[in-house]
Amino acid sequence: MSNRGAMRMDTLALTRSILKTNLQLDEAAHFDRDVALLGALPEFNSLTITSILATIEDETGCEIHDDEISADIFESVGTLVDFIDEKLA
């Protein structure tokens, strides 16, 4: 497996952990990239988004600026994984 593939797997695991903690849903530990988030889960609201962003910053050490945030990031687990991957690149 390439380093890129390994990083994606690690980022998916990190994303699952962040979602499980912030959504307080045990099933989040098993979410795949295709699971819809924003608009699909009642627990996924603006407060949750703020908490998720803060957790991403804490867990990765990256800084997320307001102008980087859009609803597209939270469309699915996969779009959130891709966003985190971009921040870590």
C-alpha atoms as a PDB file:
ATOM      1  CA  MET A   1       0.000   0.000   0.000  1.00  0.00           C
ATOM      2  CA  SER A   2       1.279   3.468  -0.842  1.00  0.00           C
ATOM      3  CA  ASN A   3       1.928   6.069   1.828  1.00  0.00           C
ATOM      4  CA  ARG A   4      -1.049   7.985   0.426  1.00  0.00           C
ATOM      5  CA  GLY A   5      -3.261   4.929   0.885  1.00  0.00           C
ATOM      6  CA  ALA A   6      -1.989   4.410   4.428  1.00  0.00           C
ATOM      7  CA  MET A   7      -2.581   8.072   5.235  1.00  0.00           C
ATOM      8  CA  ARG A   8      -6.170   7.821   3.924  1.00  0.00           C
ATOM      9  CA  MET A   9      -6.816   4.769   6.122  1.00  0.00           C
ATOM     10  CA  ASP A  10      -5.386   6.574   9.138  1.00  0.00           C
ATOM     11  CA  THR A  11      -7.409   9.695   8.331  1.00  0.00           C
ATOM     12  CA  LEU A  12     -10.568   7.616   7.991  1.00  0.00           C
ATOM     13  CA  ALA A  13      -9.916   6.071  11.414  1.00  0.00           C
ATOM     14  CA  LEU A  14      -9.256   9.525  12.880  1.00  0.00           C
ATOM     15  CA  THR A  15     -12.430  10.890  11.279  1.00  0.00           C
ATOM     16  CA  ARG A  16     -14.484   8.002  12.650  1.00  0.00           C
ATOM     17  CA  SER A  17     -13.093   8.631  16.128  1.00  0.00           C
ATOM     18  CA  ILE A  18     -13.823  12.363  15.909  1.00  0.00           C
ATOM     19  CA  LEU A  19     -17.377  11.704  14.710  1.00  0.00           C
ATOM     20  CA  LYS A  20     -18.005   9.051  17.378  1.00  0.00           C
ATOM     21  CA  THR A  21     -16.884  11.450  20.107  1.00  0.00           C
ATOM     22  CA  ASN A  22     -18.689  14.533  18.832  1.00  0.00           C
ATOM     23  CA  LEU A  23     -21.902  12.841  17.701  1.00  0.00           C
ATOM     24  CA  GLN A  24     -21.929  10.455  20.675  1.00  0.00           C
ATOM     25  CA  LEU A  25     -22.837   7.637  18.292  1.00  0.00           C
ATOM     26  CA  ASP A  26     -21.108   4.294  18.728  1.00  0.00           C
ATOM     27  CA  GLU A  27     -21.989   3.342  15.148  1.00  0.00           C
ATOM     28  CA  ALA A  28     -19.797   6.223  13.906  1.00  0.00           C
ATOM     29  CA  ALA A  29     -16.823   3.948  14.605  1.00  0.00           C
ATOM     30  CA  HIS A  30     -17.964   1.879  11.610  1.00  0.00           C
ATOM     31  CA  PHE A  31     -18.956   4.653   9.182  1.00  0.00           C
ATOM     32  CA  ASP A  32     -17.552   4.275   5.680  1.00  0.00           C
ATOM     33  CA  ARG A  33     -16.708   7.114   3.288  1.00  0.00           C
ATOM     34  CA  ASP A  34     -20.196   7.089   1.728  1.00  0.00           C
ATOM     35  CA  VAL A  35     -22.152   7.822   4.916  1.00  0.00           C
ATOM     36  CA  ALA A  36     -23.976  11.149   4.578  1.00  0.00           C
ATOM     37  CA  LEU A  37     -23.538  13.613   7.432  1.00  0.00           C
ATOM     38  CA  LEU A  38     -24.998  17.117   7.084  1.00  0.00           C
ATOM     39  CA  GLY A  39     -28.752  16.896   6.628  1.00  0.00           C
ATOM     40  CA  ALA A  40     -28.786  13.134   7.143  1.00  0.00           C
ATOM     41  CA  LEU A  41     -28.067  12.790  10.862  1.00  0.00           C
ATOM     42  CA  PRO A  42     -30.233  14.703  13.358  1.00  0.00           C
ATOM     43  CA  GLU A  43     -27.235  14.911  15.710  1.00  0.00           C
ATOM     44  CA  PHE A  44     -25.237  16.770  13.050  1.00  0.00           C
ATOM     45  CA  ASN A  45     -25.890  20.473  13.633  1.00  0.00           C
ATOM     46  CA  SER A  46     -23.939  23.739  13.782  1.00  0.00           C
ATOM     47  CA  LEU A  47     -22.746  23.091  17.335  1.00  0.00           C
ATOM     48  CA  THR A  48     -21.507  19.661  16.286  1.00  0.00           C
ATOM     49  CA  ILE A  49     -19.674  21.177  13.309  1.00  0.00           C
ATOM     50  CA  THR A  50     -17.925  23.656  15.600  1.00  0.00           C
ATOM     51  CA  SER A  51     -16.921  20.840  17.960  1.00  0.00           C
ATOM     52  CA  ILE A  52     -15.684  18.669  15.087  1.00  0.00           C
ATOM     53  CA  LEU A  53     -13.552  21.494  13.698  1.00  0.00           C
ATOM     54  CA  ALA A  54     -12.042  22.169  17.131  1.00  0.00           C
ATOM     55  CA  THR A  55     -11.317  18.463  17.587  1.00  0.00           C
ATOM     56  CA  ILE A  56      -9.659  18.272  14.154  1.00  0.00           C
ATOM     57  CA  GLU A  57      -7.413  21.191  15.123  1.00  0.00           C
ATOM     58  CA  ASP A  58      -6.578  19.589  18.477  1.00  0.00           C
ATOM     59  CA  GLU A  59      -5.930  16.112  17.052  1.00  0.00           C
ATOM     60  CA  THR A  60      -3.894  17.175  14.016  1.00  0.00           C
ATOM     61  CA  GLY A  61      -2.261  20.422  15.112  1.00  0.00           C
ATOM     62  CA  CYS A  62      -3.522  22.156  11.976  1.00  0.00           C
ATOM     63  CA  GLU A  63      -5.303  25.498  11.951  1.00  0.00           C
ATOM     64  CA  ILE A  64      -8.637  25.793  10.156  1.00  0.00           C
ATOM     65  CA  HIS A  65      -9.572  29.270   8.954  1.00  0.00           C
ATOM     66  CA  ASP A  66     -13.162  30.445   8.584  1.00  0.00           C
ATOM     67  CA  ASP A  67     -12.766  30.931   4.829  1.00  0.00           C
ATOM     68  CA  GLU A  68     -11.892  27.225   4.439  1.00  0.00           C
ATOM     69  CA  ILE A  69     -15.175  26.027   5.917  1.00  0.00           C
ATOM     70  CA  SER A  70     -18.159  25.159   3.740  1.00  0.00           C
ATOM     71  CA  ALA A  71     -21.108  22.802   3.916  1.00  0.00           C
ATOM     72  CA  ASP A  72     -19.456  20.679   1.198  1.00  0.00           C
ATOM     73  CA  ILE A  73     -16.843  19.506   3.718  1.00  0.00           C
ATOM     74  CA  PHE A  74     -19.578  17.919   5.836  1.00  0.00           C
ATOM     75  CA  GLU A  75     -21.547  16.293   3.015  1.00  0.00           C
ATOM     76  CA  SER A  76     -20.220  12.821   3.870  1.00  0.00           C
ATOM     77  CA  VAL A  77     -17.562  11.022   5.844  1.00  0.00           C
ATOM     78  CA  GLY A  78     -15.485  10.899   2.654  1.00  0.00           C
ATOM     79  CA  THR A  79     -15.604  14.657   2.071  1.00  0.00           C
ATOM     80  CA  LEU A  80     -14.548  15.235   5.676  1.00  0.00           C
ATOM     81  CA  VAL A  81     -11.683  12.732   5.299  1.00  0.00           C
ATOM     82  CA  ASP A  82     -10.577  14.517   2.117  1.00  0.00           C
ATOM     83  CA  PHE A  83     -10.634  17.886   3.900  1.00  0.00           C
ATOM     84  CA  ILE A  84      -8.485  16.554   6.746  1.00  0.00           C
ATOM     85  CA  ASP A  85      -6.090  14.957   4.239  1.00  0.00           C
ATOM     86  CA  GLU A  86      -5.727  18.322   2.474  1.00  0.00           C
ATOM     87  CA  LYS A  87      -5.010  20.057   5.784  1.00  0.00           C
ATOM     88  CA  LEU A  88      -2.330  17.484   6.594  1.00  0.00           C
ATOM     89  CA  ALA A  89      -0.682  17.602   3.154  1.00  0.00           C
END
